Amino acid sequence: ERTFTAEEFVDEVNAEGAAIALGGVIAKSQDGLEIRAVKFTESVPSATGAGDEARGSGAMLVLDDAGEAGDELERCEASTAFTCFRAANVLLRFEKIFPEEQARITQAFQAIASE
């Protein structure tokens, strides 16, 4: 299975329509794993039609390999506070995500998984 850097992963999923941007390091684990901010670059139309809703944001973890990412996905999914996505060695987790954003991420992840 492929492995990505944070920048390579963002480029890859954005080529598939994810529309996310990589932010700075928001935390570091005890073993030096950087947790990076991510946000959506396209706003979501408001349900009331009064303008655009704020974009969702979350965090990205780039692990050494897919096995570690799978383990982290299990921990992430055990929390009801997060919506989690994994592709290769990368995990994205969001606390607040709009259905349109979730659909874009899901489609982008499926596209790179089939390559």
PDB file of N, CA and C in Angstrom:
ATOM      1  N   GLU A   1       0.845  -1.181   0.000  1.00  0.00           N
ATOM      2  CA  GLU A   1       0.000   0.000   0.000  1.00  0.00           C
ATOM      3  C   GLU A   1       0.887   1.239   0.000  1.00  0.00           C
ATOM      4  N   ARG A   2       0.421   2.278  -0.633  1.00  0.00           N
ATOM      5  CA  ARG A   2       1.183   3.523  -0.752  1.00  0.00           C
ATOM      6  C   ARG A   2       1.353   4.191   0.612  1.00  0.00           C
ATOM      7  N   THR A   3       2.366   5.036   0.700  1.00  0.00           N
ATOM      8  CA  THR A   3       2.520   5.917   1.857  1.00  0.00           C
ATOM      9  C   THR A   3       2.647   7.335   1.330  1.00  0.00           C
ATOM     10  N   PHE A   4       2.148   8.277   2.121  1.00  0.00           N
ATOM     11  CA  PHE A   4       2.110   9.676   1.723  1.00  0.00           C
ATOM     12  C   PHE A   4       2.771  10.554   2.780  1.00  0.00           C
ATOM     13  N   THR A   5       3.286  11.695   2.352  1.00  0.00           N
ATOM     14  CA  THR A   5       3.547  12.799   3.269  1.00  0.00           C
ATOM     15  C   THR A   5       2.240  13.572   3.367  1.00  0.00           C
ATOM     16  N   ALA A   6       2.145  14.477   4.304  1.00  0.00           N
ATOM     17  CA  ALA A   6       0.927  15.280   4.441  1.00  0.00           C
ATOM     18  C   ALA A   6       0.639  16.056   3.161  1.00  0.00           C
ATOM     19  N   GLU A   7       1.666  16.674   2.604  1.00  0.00           N
ATOM     20  CA  GLU A   7       1.497  17.494   1.409  1.00  0.00           C
ATOM     21  C   GLU A   7       1.095  16.648   0.198  1.00  0.00           C
ATOM     22  N   GLU A   8       1.733  15.490   0.040  1.00  0.00           N
ATOM     23  CA  GLU A   8       1.386  14.600  -1.070  1.00  0.00           C
ATOM     24  C   GLU A   8      -0.064  14.140  -0.966  1.00  0.00           C
ATOM     25  N   PHE A   9      -0.491  13.838   0.248  1.00  0.00           N
ATOM     26  CA  PHE A   9      -1.848  13.355   0.437  1.00  0.00           C
ATOM     27  C   PHE A   9      -2.867  14.434   0.086  1.00  0.00           C
ATOM     28  N   VAL A  10      -2.650  15.649   0.558  1.00  0.00           N
ATOM     29  CA  VAL A  10      -3.577  16.747   0.251  1.00  0.00           C
ATOM     30  C   VAL A  10      -3.649  16.958  -1.259  1.00  0.00           C
ATOM     31  N   ASP A  11      -2.506  16.952  -1.927  1.00  0.00           N
ATOM     32  CA  ASP A  11      -2.500  17.109  -3.386  1.00  0.00           C
ATOM     33  C   ASP A  11      -3.302  15.998  -4.059  1.00  0.00           C
ATOM     34  N   GLU A  12      -3.114  14.775  -3.591  1.00  0.00           N
ATOM     35  CA  GLU A  12      -3.783  13.615  -4.190  1.00  0.00           C
ATOM     36  C   GLU A  12      -5.299  13.676  -4.010  1.00  0.00           C
ATOM     37  N   VAL A  13      -5.773  13.937  -2.794  1.00  0.00           N
ATOM     38  CA  VAL A  13      -7.233  13.962  -2.581  1.00  0.00           C
ATOM     39  C   VAL A  13      -7.863  15.199  -3.213  1.00  0.00           C
ATOM     40  N   ASN A  14      -7.125  16.297  -3.274  1.00  0.00           N
ATOM     41  CA  ASN A  14      -7.674  17.480  -3.938  1.00  0.00           C
ATOM     42  C   ASN A  14      -7.808  17.269  -5.439  1.00  0.00           C
ATOM     43  N   ALA A  15      -6.915  16.487  -6.017  1.00  0.00           N
ATOM     44  CA  ALA A  15      -7.040  16.147  -7.433  1.00  0.00           C
ATOM     45  C   ALA A  15      -8.313  15.335  -7.683  1.00  0.00           C
ATOM     46  N   GLU A  16      -8.831  14.707  -6.631  1.00  0.00           N
ATOM     47  CA  GLU A  16     -10.066  13.921  -6.716  1.00  0.00           C
ATOM     48  C   GLU A  16     -11.276  14.690  -6.186  1.00  0.00           C
ATOM     49  N   GLY A  17     -11.106  15.993  -5.880  1.00  0.00           N
ATOM     50  CA  GLY A  17     -12.238  16.834  -5.512  1.00  0.00           C
ATOM     51  C   GLY A  17     -12.482  17.057  -4.034  1.00  0.00           C
ATOM     52  N   ALA A  18     -11.553  16.704  -3.164  1.00  0.00           N
ATOM     53  CA  ALA A  18     -11.791  16.831  -1.722  1.00  0.00           C
ATOM     54  C   ALA A  18     -11.890  18.282  -1.252  1.00  0.00           C
ATOM     55  N   ALA A  19     -11.104  19.176  -1.833  1.00  0.00           N
ATOM     56  CA  ALA A  19     -11.115  20.603  -1.482  1.00  0.00           C
ATOM     57  C   ALA A  19     -10.741  20.838  -0.013  1.00  0.00           C
ATOM     58  N   ILE A  20      -9.543  20.353   0.381  1.00  0.00           N
ATOM     59  CA  ILE A  20      -9.050  20.596   1.730  1.00  0.00           C
ATOM     60  C   ILE A  20      -7.716  21.329   1.661  1.00  0.00           C
ATOM     61  N   ALA A  21      -7.398  22.013   2.736  1.00  0.00           N
ATOM     62  CA  ALA A  21      -6.117  22.709   2.861  1.00  0.00           C
ATOM     63  C   ALA A  21      -5.436  22.243   4.129  1.00  0.00           C
ATOM     64  N   LEU A  22      -4.125  22.119   4.058  1.00  0.00           N
ATOM     65  CA  LEU A  22      -3.316  21.675   5.191  1.00  0.00           C
ATOM     66  C   LEU A  22      -2.887  22.881   6.002  1.00  0.00           C
ATOM     67  N   GLY A  23      -3.097  22.812   7.300  1.00  0.00           N
ATOM     68  CA  GLY A  23      -2.666  23.875   8.195  1.00  0.00           C
ATOM     69  C   GLY A  23      -1.411  23.474   8.947  1.00  0.00           C
ATOM     70  N   GLY A  24      -1.136  24.214   9.988  1.00  0.00           N
ATOM     71  CA  GLY A  24       0.058  23.970  10.777  1.00  0.00           C
ATOM     72  C   GLY A  24      -0.099  22.826  11.758  1.00  0.00           C
ATOM     73  N   VAL A  25       0.985  22.559  12.470  1.00  0.00           N
ATOM     74  CA  VAL A  25       0.992  21.524  13.495  1.00  0.00           C
ATOM     75  C   VAL A  25       0.189  22.042  14.690  1.00  0.00           C
ATOM     76  N   ILE A  26      -0.807  21.270  15.122  1.00  0.00           N
ATOM     77  CA  ILE A  26      -1.627  21.688  16.264  1.00  0.00           C
ATOM     78  C   ILE A  26      -1.260  20.939  17.541  1.00  0.00           C
ATOM     79  N   ALA A  27      -0.567  19.820  17.394  1.00  0.00           N
ATOM     80  CA  ALA A  27      -0.114  19.053  18.559  1.00  0.00           C
ATOM     81  C   ALA A  27       0.932  18.042  18.111  1.00  0.00           C
ATOM     82  N   LYS A  28       1.665  17.532  19.086  1.00  0.00           N
ATOM     83  CA  LYS A  28       2.623  16.443  18.844  1.00  0.00           C
ATOM     84  C   LYS A  28       2.401  15.388  19.906  1.00  0.00           C
ATOM     85  N   SER A  29       2.429  14.124  19.462  1.00  0.00           N
ATOM     86  CA  SER A  29       2.282  13.040  20.420  1.00  0.00           C
ATOM     87  C   SER A  29       3.607  12.830  21.142  1.00  0.00           C
ATOM     88  N   GLN A  30       3.590  11.981  22.171  1.00  0.00           N
ATOM     89  CA  GLN A  30       4.797  11.697  22.933  1.00  0.00           C
ATOM     90  C   GLN A  30       5.885  11.078  22.072  1.00  0.00           C
ATOM     91  N   ASP A  31       5.464  10.325  21.027  1.00  0.00           N
ATOM     92  CA  ASP A  31       6.468   9.711  20.157  1.00  0.00           C
ATOM     93  C   ASP A  31       6.770  10.558  18.922  1.00  0.00           C
ATOM     94  N   GLY A  32       6.422  11.845  18.959  1.00  0.00           N
ATOM     95  CA  GLY A  32       6.811  12.769  17.907  1.00  0.00           C
ATOM     96  C   GLY A  32       5.881  12.849  16.708  1.00  0.00           C
ATOM     97  N   LEU A  33       4.736  12.181  16.753  1.00  0.00           N
ATOM     98  CA  LEU A  33       3.777  12.238  15.657  1.00  0.00           C
ATOM     99  C   LEU A  33       3.127  13.616  15.619  1.00  0.00           C
ATOM    100  N   GLU A  34       3.232  14.270  14.459  1.00  0.00           N
ATOM    101  CA  GLU A  34       2.616  15.593  14.315  1.00  0.00           C
ATOM    102  C   GLU A  34       1.152  15.451  13.932  1.00  0.00           C
ATOM    103  N   ILE A  35       0.318  16.219  14.588  1.00  0.00           N
ATOM    104  CA  ILE A  35      -1.097  16.301  14.251  1.00  0.00           C
ATOM    105  C   ILE A  35      -1.279  17.658  13.586  1.00  0.00           C
ATOM    106  N   ARG A  36      -1.690  17.636  12.300  1.00  0.00           N
ATOM    107  CA  ARG A  36      -1.798  18.853  11.507  1.00  0.00           C
ATOM    108  C   ARG A  36      -3.257  19.254  11.347  1.00  0.00           C
ATOM    109  N   ALA A  37      -3.513  20.534  11.301  1.00  0.00           N
ATOM    110  CA  ALA A  37      -4.852  21.045  11.046  1.00  0.00           C
ATOM    111  C   ALA A  37      -5.191  20.880   9.566  1.00  0.00           C
ATOM    112  N   VAL A  38      -6.446  20.602   9.284  1.00  0.00           N
ATOM    113  CA  VAL A  38      -6.968  20.602   7.918  1.00  0.00           C
ATOM    114  C   VAL A  38      -8.294  21.336   7.930  1.00  0.00           C
ATOM    115  N   LYS A  39      -8.601  21.984   6.817  1.00  0.00           N
ATOM    116  CA  LYS A  39      -9.904  22.635   6.701  1.00  0.00           C
ATOM    117  C   LYS A  39     -10.376  22.517   5.261  1.00  0.00           C
ATOM    118  N   PHE A  40     -11.666  22.624   5.105  1.00  0.00           N
ATOM    119  CA  PHE A  40     -12.246  22.597   3.766  1.00  0.00           C
ATOM    120  C   PHE A  40     -12.092  23.974   3.142  1.00  0.00           C
ATOM    121  N   THR A  41     -11.801  23.996   1.854  1.00  0.00           N
ATOM    122  CA  THR A  41     -11.582  25.261   1.167  1.00  0.00           C
ATOM    123  C   THR A  41     -12.821  25.764   0.452  1.00  0.00           C
ATOM    124  N   GLU A  42     -13.857  24.958   0.396  1.00  0.00           N
ATOM    125  CA  GLU A  42     -15.115  25.368  -0.221  1.00  0.00           C
ATOM    126  C   GLU A  42     -16.187  25.413   0.855  1.00  0.00           C
ATOM    127  N   SER A  43     -16.943  26.524   0.876  1.00  0.00           N
ATOM    128  CA  SER A  43     -18.006  26.646   1.874  1.00  0.00           C
ATOM    129  C   SER A  43     -19.227  25.851   1.435  1.00  0.00           C
ATOM    130  N   VAL A  44     -20.101  25.615   2.390  1.00  0.00           N
ATOM    131  CA  VAL A  44     -21.311  24.841   2.170  1.00  0.00           C
ATOM    132  C   VAL A  44     -22.496  25.802   2.189  1.00  0.00           C
ATOM    133  N   PRO A  45     -23.412  25.715   1.217  1.00  0.00           N
ATOM    134  CA  PRO A  45     -24.577  26.606   1.232  1.00  0.00           C
ATOM    135  C   PRO A  45     -25.397  26.426   2.509  1.00  0.00           C
ATOM    136  N   SER A  46     -25.866  27.525   3.050  1.00  0.00           N
ATOM    137  CA  SER A  46     -26.672  27.493   4.260  1.00  0.00           C
ATOM    138  C   SER A  46     -28.014  26.826   4.000  1.00  0.00           C
ATOM    139  N   ALA A  47     -28.507  26.111   4.985  1.00  0.00           N
ATOM    140  CA  ALA A  47     -29.813  25.461   4.880  1.00  0.00           C
ATOM    141  C   ALA A  47     -30.935  26.491   4.778  1.00  0.00           C
ATOM    142  N   THR A  48     -30.702  27.687   5.306  1.00  0.00           N
ATOM    143  CA  THR A  48     -31.714  28.743   5.262  1.00  0.00           C
ATOM    144  C   THR A  48     -31.609  29.585   4.000  1.00  0.00           C
ATOM    145  N   GLY A  49     -30.531  29.387   3.236  1.00  0.00           N
ATOM    146  CA  GLY A  49     -30.321  30.179   2.034  1.00  0.00           C
ATOM    147  C   GLY A  49     -29.781  31.562   2.325  1.00  0.00           C
ATOM    148  N   ALA A  50     -29.395  31.816   3.567  1.00  0.00           N
ATOM    149  CA  ALA A  50     -28.946  33.141   3.980  1.00  0.00           C
ATOM    150  C   ALA A  50     -27.455  33.363   3.755  1.00  0.00           C
ATOM    151  N   GLY A  51     -26.798  32.474   3.081  1.00  0.00           N
ATOM    152  CA  GLY A  51     -25.354  32.615   2.874  1.00  0.00           C
ATOM    153  C   GLY A  51     -24.677  31.282   3.089  1.00  0.00           C
ATOM    154  N   ASP A  52     -23.387  31.302   3.130  1.00  0.00           N
ATOM    155  CA  ASP A  52     -22.628  30.072   3.293  1.00  0.00           C
ATOM    156  C   ASP A  52     -22.325  29.795   4.758  1.00  0.00           C
ATOM    157  N   GLU A  53     -22.397  28.534   5.105  1.00  0.00           N
ATOM    158  CA  GLU A  53     -22.028  28.080   6.443  1.00  0.00           C
ATOM    159  C   GLU A  53     -20.506  28.083   6.565  1.00  0.00           C
ATOM    160  N   ALA A  54     -20.039  28.151   7.775  1.00  0.00           N
ATOM    161  CA  ALA A  54     -18.602  28.016   8.021  1.00  0.00           C
ATOM    162  C   ALA A  54     -18.153  26.644   7.543  1.00  0.00           C
ATOM    163  N   ARG A  55     -16.945  26.578   7.067  1.00  0.00           N
ATOM    164  CA  ARG A  55     -16.401  25.314   6.593  1.00  0.00           C
ATOM    165  C   ARG A  55     -16.010  24.432   7.770  1.00  0.00           C
ATOM    166  N   GLY A  56     -16.071  23.128   7.542  1.00  0.00           N
ATOM    167  CA  GLY A  56     -15.622  22.194   8.555  1.00  0.00           C
ATOM    168  C   GLY A  56     -14.104  22.202   8.658  1.00  0.00           C
ATOM    169  N   SER A  57     -13.612  21.760   9.789  1.00  0.00           N
ATOM    170  CA  SER A  57     -12.167  21.641   9.970  1.00  0.00           C
ATOM    171  C   SER A  57     -11.894  20.405  10.809  1.00  0.00           C
ATOM    172  N   GLY A  58     -10.660  19.959  10.747  1.00  0.00           N
ATOM    173  CA  GLY A  58     -10.309  18.749  11.467  1.00  0.00           C
ATOM    174  C   GLY A  58      -8.819  18.618  11.647  1.00  0.00           C
ATOM    175  N   ALA A  59      -8.370  17.376  11.741  1.00  0.00           N
ATOM    176  CA  ALA A  59      -6.957  17.099  11.985  1.00  0.00           C
ATOM    177  C   ALA A  59      -6.505  15.947  11.098  1.00  0.00           C
ATOM    178  N   MET A  60      -5.219  15.986  10.741  1.00  0.00           N
ATOM    179  CA  MET A  60      -4.610  14.938   9.926  1.00  0.00           C
ATOM    180  C   MET A  60      -3.446  14.330  10.680  1.00  0.00           C
ATOM    181  N   LEU A  61      -3.395  13.017  10.676  1.00  0.00           N
ATOM    182  CA  LEU A  61      -2.262  12.286  11.224  1.00  0.00           C
ATOM    183  C   LEU A  61      -1.636  11.490  10.090  1.00  0.00           C
ATOM    184  N   VAL A  62      -0.337  11.632   9.910  1.00  0.00           N
ATOM    185  CA  VAL A  62       0.393  10.851   8.915  1.00  0.00           C
ATOM    186  C   VAL A  62       1.261   9.871   9.694  1.00  0.00           C
ATOM    187  N   LEU A  63       0.918   8.591   9.567  1.00  0.00           N
ATOM    188  CA  LEU A  63       1.611   7.552  10.321  1.00  0.00           C
ATOM    189  C   LEU A  63       2.647   6.862   9.452  1.00  0.00           C
ATOM    190  N   ASP A  64       3.464   6.013  10.052  1.00  0.00           N
ATOM    191  CA  ASP A  64       4.543   5.354   9.322  1.00  0.00           C
ATOM    192  C   ASP A  64       4.041   4.383   8.260  1.00  0.00           C
ATOM    193  N   ASP A  65       2.908   3.726   8.539  1.00  0.00           N
ATOM    194  CA  ASP A  65       2.406   2.758   7.564  1.00  0.00           C
ATOM    195  C   ASP A  65       0.905   2.577   7.732  1.00  0.00           C
ATOM    196  N   ALA A  66       0.325   1.812   6.813  1.00  0.00           N
ATOM    197  CA  ALA A  66      -1.120   1.590   6.805  1.00  0.00           C
ATOM    198  C   ALA A  66      -1.598   0.847   8.045  1.00  0.00           C
ATOM    199  N   GLY A  67      -0.780  -0.056   8.576  1.00  0.00           N
ATOM    200  CA  GLY A  67      -1.161  -0.791   9.785  1.00  0.00           C
ATOM    201  C   GLY A  67      -1.369   0.135  10.967  1.00  0.00           C
ATOM    202  N   GLU A  68      -0.433   1.050  11.164  1.00  0.00           N
ATOM    203  CA  GLU A  68      -0.574   2.024  12.247  1.00  0.00           C
ATOM    204  C   GLU A  68      -1.787   2.916  12.017  1.00  0.00           C
ATOM    205  N   ALA A  69      -2.017   3.300  10.757  1.00  0.00           N
ATOM    206  CA  ALA A  69      -3.179   4.134  10.442  1.00  0.00           C
ATOM    207  C   ALA A  69      -4.475   3.382  10.720  1.00  0.00           C
ATOM    208  N   GLY A  70      -4.489   2.080  10.439  1.00  0.00           N
ATOM    209  CA  GLY A  70      -5.664   1.270  10.737  1.00  0.00           C
ATOM    210  C   GLY A  70      -5.938   1.194  12.228  1.00  0.00           C
ATOM    211  N   ASP A  71      -4.880   1.051  13.018  1.00  0.00           N
ATOM    212  CA  ASP A  71      -5.033   1.034  14.478  1.00  0.00           C
ATOM    213  C   ASP A  71      -5.580   2.369  14.972  1.00  0.00           C
ATOM    214  N   GLU A  72      -5.050   3.457  14.420  1.00  0.00           N
ATOM    215  CA  GLU A  72      -5.504   4.791  14.819  1.00  0.00           C
ATOM    216  C   GLU A  72      -6.958   5.012  14.401  1.00  0.00           C
ATOM    217  N   LEU A  73      -7.347   4.473  13.234  1.00  0.00           N
ATOM    218  CA  LEU A  73      -8.732   4.578  12.790  1.00  0.00           C
ATOM    219  C   LEU A  73      -9.667   3.897  13.783  1.00  0.00           C
ATOM    220  N   GLU A  74      -9.284   2.739  14.282  1.00  0.00           N
ATOM    221  CA  GLU A  74     -10.114   2.044  15.280  1.00  0.00           C
ATOM    222  C   GLU A  74     -10.300   2.901  16.525  1.00  0.00           C
ATOM    223  N   ARG A  75      -9.216   3.539  16.998  1.00  0.00           N
ATOM    224  CA  ARG A  75      -9.323   4.418  18.171  1.00  0.00           C
ATOM    225  C   ARG A  75     -10.225   5.610  17.861  1.00  0.00           C
ATOM    226  N   CYS A  76     -10.055   6.177  16.675  1.00  0.00           N
ATOM    227  CA  CYS A  76     -10.841   7.334  16.275  1.00  0.00           C
ATOM    228  C   CYS A  76     -12.332   6.985  16.201  1.00  0.00           C
ATOM    229  N   GLU A  77     -12.640   5.865  15.579  1.00  0.00           N
ATOM    230  CA  GLU A  77     -14.037   5.463  15.422  1.00  0.00           C
ATOM    231  C   GLU A  77     -14.690   5.079  16.745  1.00  0.00           C
ATOM    232  N   ALA A  78     -13.889   4.765  17.755  1.00  0.00           N
ATOM    233  CA  ALA A  78     -14.440   4.445  19.077  1.00  0.00           C
ATOM    234  C   ALA A  78     -14.987   5.693  19.759  1.00  0.00           C
ATOM    235  N   SER A  79     -14.587   6.852  19.292  1.00  0.00           N
ATOM    236  CA  SER A  79     -15.084   8.102  19.847  1.00  0.00           C
ATOM    237  C   SER A  79     -16.299   8.564  19.049  1.00  0.00           C
ATOM    238  N   THR A  80     -17.371   8.864  19.737  1.00  0.00           N
ATOM    239  CA  THR A  80     -18.569   9.347  19.045  1.00  0.00           C
ATOM    240  C   THR A  80     -18.425  10.810  18.629  1.00  0.00           C
ATOM    241  N   ALA A  81     -17.365  11.476  19.069  1.00  0.00           N
ATOM    242  CA  ALA A  81     -17.178  12.885  18.756  1.00  0.00           C
ATOM    243  C   ALA A  81     -16.577  13.119  17.373  1.00  0.00           C
ATOM    244  N   PHE A  82     -16.005  12.076  16.757  1.00  0.00           N
ATOM    245  CA  PHE A  82     -15.273  12.261  15.506  1.00  0.00           C
ATOM    246  C   PHE A  82     -15.906  11.513  14.338  1.00  0.00           C
ATOM    247  N   THR A  83     -15.763  12.095  13.159  1.00  0.00           N
ATOM    248  CA  THR A  83     -15.988  11.402  11.897  1.00  0.00           C
ATOM    249  C   THR A  83     -14.599  11.154  11.332  1.00  0.00           C
ATOM    250  N   CYS A  84     -14.269   9.903  11.034  1.00  0.00           N
ATOM    251  CA  CYS A  84     -12.898   9.516  10.715  1.00  0.00           C
ATOM    252  C   CYS A  84     -12.799   8.907   9.324  1.00  0.00           C
ATOM    253  N   PHE A  85     -11.669   9.182   8.675  1.00  0.00           N
ATOM    254  CA  PHE A  85     -11.381   8.651   7.353  1.00  0.00           C
ATOM    255  C   PHE A  85      -9.929   8.190   7.331  1.00  0.00           C
ATOM    256  N   ARG A  86      -9.670   7.053   6.663  1.00  0.00           N
ATOM    257  CA  ARG A  86      -8.293   6.585   6.513  1.00  0.00           C
ATOM    258  C   ARG A  86      -8.045   6.172   5.074  1.00  0.00           C
ATOM    259  N   ALA A  87      -6.895   6.562   4.570  1.00  0.00           N
ATOM    260  CA  ALA A  87      -6.404   6.077   3.280  1.00  0.00           C
ATOM    261  C   ALA A  87      -4.905   5.892   3.428  1.00  0.00           C
ATOM    262  N   ALA A  88      -4.430   4.701   3.082  1.00  0.00           N
ATOM    263  CA  ALA A  88      -3.007   4.370   3.201  1.00  0.00           C
ATOM    264  C   ALA A  88      -2.543   4.656   4.629  1.00  0.00           C
ATOM    265  N   ASN A  89      -1.547   5.505   4.790  1.00  0.00           N
ATOM    266  CA  ASN A  89      -0.982   5.796   6.110  1.00  0.00           C
ATOM    267  C   ASN A  89      -1.511   7.091   6.711  1.00  0.00           C
ATOM    268  N   VAL A  90      -2.608   7.617   6.174  1.00  0.00           N
ATOM    269  CA  VAL A  90      -3.138   8.913   6.611  1.00  0.00           C
ATOM    270  C   VAL A  90      -4.512   8.744   7.238  1.00  0.00           C
ATOM    271  N   LEU A  91      -4.723   9.460   8.332  1.00  0.00           N
ATOM    272  CA  LEU A  91      -6.016   9.488   9.002  1.00  0.00           C
ATOM    273  C   LEU A  91      -6.477  10.934   9.089  1.00  0.00           C
ATOM    274  N   LEU A  92      -7.726  11.179   8.699  1.00  0.00           N
ATOM    275  CA  LEU A  92      -8.362  12.478   8.906  1.00  0.00           C
ATOM    276  C   LEU A  92      -9.465  12.283   9.926  1.00  0.00           C
ATOM    277  N   ARG A  93      -9.590  13.246  10.840  1.00  0.00           N
ATOM    278  CA  ARG A  93     -10.694  13.185  11.801  1.00  0.00           C
ATOM    279  C   ARG A  93     -11.308  14.578  11.920  1.00  0.00           C
ATOM    280  N   PHE A  94     -12.621  14.594  11.950  1.00  0.00           N
ATOM    281  CA  PHE A  94     -13.378  15.839  12.008  1.00  0.00           C
ATOM    282  C   PHE A  94     -14.362  15.782  13.164  1.00  0.00           C
ATOM    283  N   GLU A  95     -14.489  16.892  13.873  1.00  0.00           N
ATOM    284  CA  GLU A  95     -15.513  16.990  14.916  1.00  0.00           C
ATOM    285  C   GLU A  95     -16.821  17.488  14.318  1.00  0.00           C
ATOM    286  N   LYS A  96     -16.726  18.418  13.383  1.00  0.00           N
ATOM    287  CA  LYS A  96     -17.902  18.967  12.723  1.00  0.00           C
ATOM    288  C   LYS A  96     -17.667  18.867  11.231  1.00  0.00           C
ATOM    289  N   ILE A  97     -18.559  18.173  10.556  1.00  0.00           N
ATOM    290  CA  ILE A  97     -18.422  18.013   9.114  1.00  0.00           C
ATOM    291  C   ILE A  97     -19.818  18.008   8.500  1.00  0.00           C
ATOM    292  N   PHE A  98     -19.980  18.775   7.444  1.00  0.00           N
ATOM    293  CA  PHE A  98     -21.258  18.842   6.748  1.00  0.00           C
ATOM    294  C   PHE A  98     -21.396  17.630   5.821  1.00  0.00           C
ATOM    295  N   PRO A  99     -22.624  17.181   5.554  1.00  0.00           N
ATOM    296  CA  PRO A  99     -22.813  16.019   4.677  1.00  0.00           C
ATOM    297  C   PRO A  99     -22.146  16.191   3.309  1.00  0.00           C
ATOM    298  N   GLU A 100     -22.175  17.392   2.754  1.00  0.00           N
ATOM    299  CA  GLU A 100     -21.552  17.642   1.452  1.00  0.00           C
ATOM    300  C   GLU A 100     -20.036  17.456   1.537  1.00  0.00           C
ATOM    301  N   GLU A 101     -19.452  17.896   2.640  1.00  0.00           N
ATOM    302  CA  GLU A 101     -18.014  17.728   2.844  1.00  0.00           C
ATOM    303  C   GLU A 101     -17.669  16.249   3.032  1.00  0.00           C
ATOM    304  N   GLN A 102     -18.484  15.564   3.803  1.00  0.00           N
ATOM    305  CA  GLN A 102     -18.263  14.140   4.033  1.00  0.00           C
ATOM    306  C   GLN A 102     -18.337  13.374   2.715  1.00  0.00           C
ATOM    307  N   ALA A 103     -19.275  13.743   1.855  1.00  0.00           N
ATOM    308  CA  ALA A 103     -19.396  13.075   0.556  1.00  0.00           C
ATOM    309  C   ALA A 103     -18.160  13.323  -0.305  1.00  0.00           C
ATOM    310  N   ARG A 104     -17.644  14.557  -0.306  1.00  0.00           N
ATOM    311  CA  ARG A 104     -16.440  14.862  -1.096  1.00  0.00           C
ATOM    312  C   ARG A 104     -15.242  14.059  -0.616  1.00  0.00           C
ATOM    313  N   ILE A 105     -15.063  13.998   0.717  1.00  0.00           N
ATOM    314  CA  ILE A 105     -13.933  13.245   1.280  1.00  0.00           C
ATOM    315  C   ILE A 105     -14.071  11.757   0.964  1.00  0.00           C
ATOM    316  N   THR A 106     -15.267  11.221   1.139  1.00  0.00           N
ATOM    317  CA  THR A 106     -15.509   9.806   0.866  1.00  0.00           C
ATOM    318  C   THR A 106     -15.188   9.474  -0.588  1.00  0.00           C
ATOM    319  N   GLN A 107     -15.663  10.283  -1.513  1.00  0.00           N
ATOM    320  CA  GLN A 107     -15.404  10.041  -2.934  1.00  0.00           C
ATOM    321  C   GLN A 107     -13.915  10.133  -3.248  1.00  0.00           C
ATOM    322  N   ALA A 108     -13.228  11.119  -2.683  1.00  0.00           N
ATOM    323  CA  ALA A 108     -11.792  11.274  -2.939  1.00  0.00           C
ATOM    324  C   ALA A 108     -11.011  10.088  -2.378  1.00  0.00           C
ATOM    325  N   PHE A 109     -11.366   9.643  -1.169  1.00  0.00           N
ATOM    326  CA  PHE A 109     -10.678   8.499  -0.568  1.00  0.00           C
ATOM    327  C   PHE A 109     -10.919   7.232  -1.396  1.00  0.00           C
ATOM    328  N   GLN A 110     -12.141   7.046  -1.852  1.00  0.00           N
ATOM    329  CA  GLN A 110     -12.439   5.868  -2.669  1.00  0.00           C
ATOM    330  C   GLN A 110     -11.657   5.909  -3.982  1.00  0.00           C
ATOM    331  N   ALA A 111     -11.515   7.091  -4.558  1.00  0.00           N
ATOM    332  CA  ALA A 111     -10.795   7.230  -5.827  1.00  0.00           C
ATOM    333  C   ALA A 111      -9.312   6.883  -5.667  1.00  0.00           C
ATOM    334  N   ILE A 112      -8.689   7.370  -4.592  1.00  0.00           N
ATOM    335  CA  ILE A 112      -7.265   7.053  -4.455  1.00  0.00           C
ATOM    336  C   ILE A 112      -7.058   5.612  -4.010  1.00  0.00           C
ATOM    337  N   ALA A 113      -8.036   5.025  -3.337  1.00  0.00           N
ATOM    338  CA  ALA A 113      -7.930   3.620  -2.933  1.00  0.00           C
ATOM    339  C   ALA A 113      -8.001   2.693  -4.133  1.00  0.00           C
ATOM    340  N   SER A 114      -8.681   3.124  -5.187  1.00  0.00           N
ATOM    341  CA  SER A 114      -8.825   2.266  -6.359  1.00  0.00           C
ATOM    342  C   SER A 114      -7.689   2.415  -7.354  1.00  0.00           C
ATOM    343  N   GLU A 115      -6.759   3.341  -7.084  1.00  0.00           N
ATOM    344  CA  GLU A 115      -5.628   3.540  -8.006  1.00  0.00           C
ATOM    345  C   GLU A 115      -4.574   2.470  -7.830  1.00  0.00           C
TER     346      GLU A 115
END
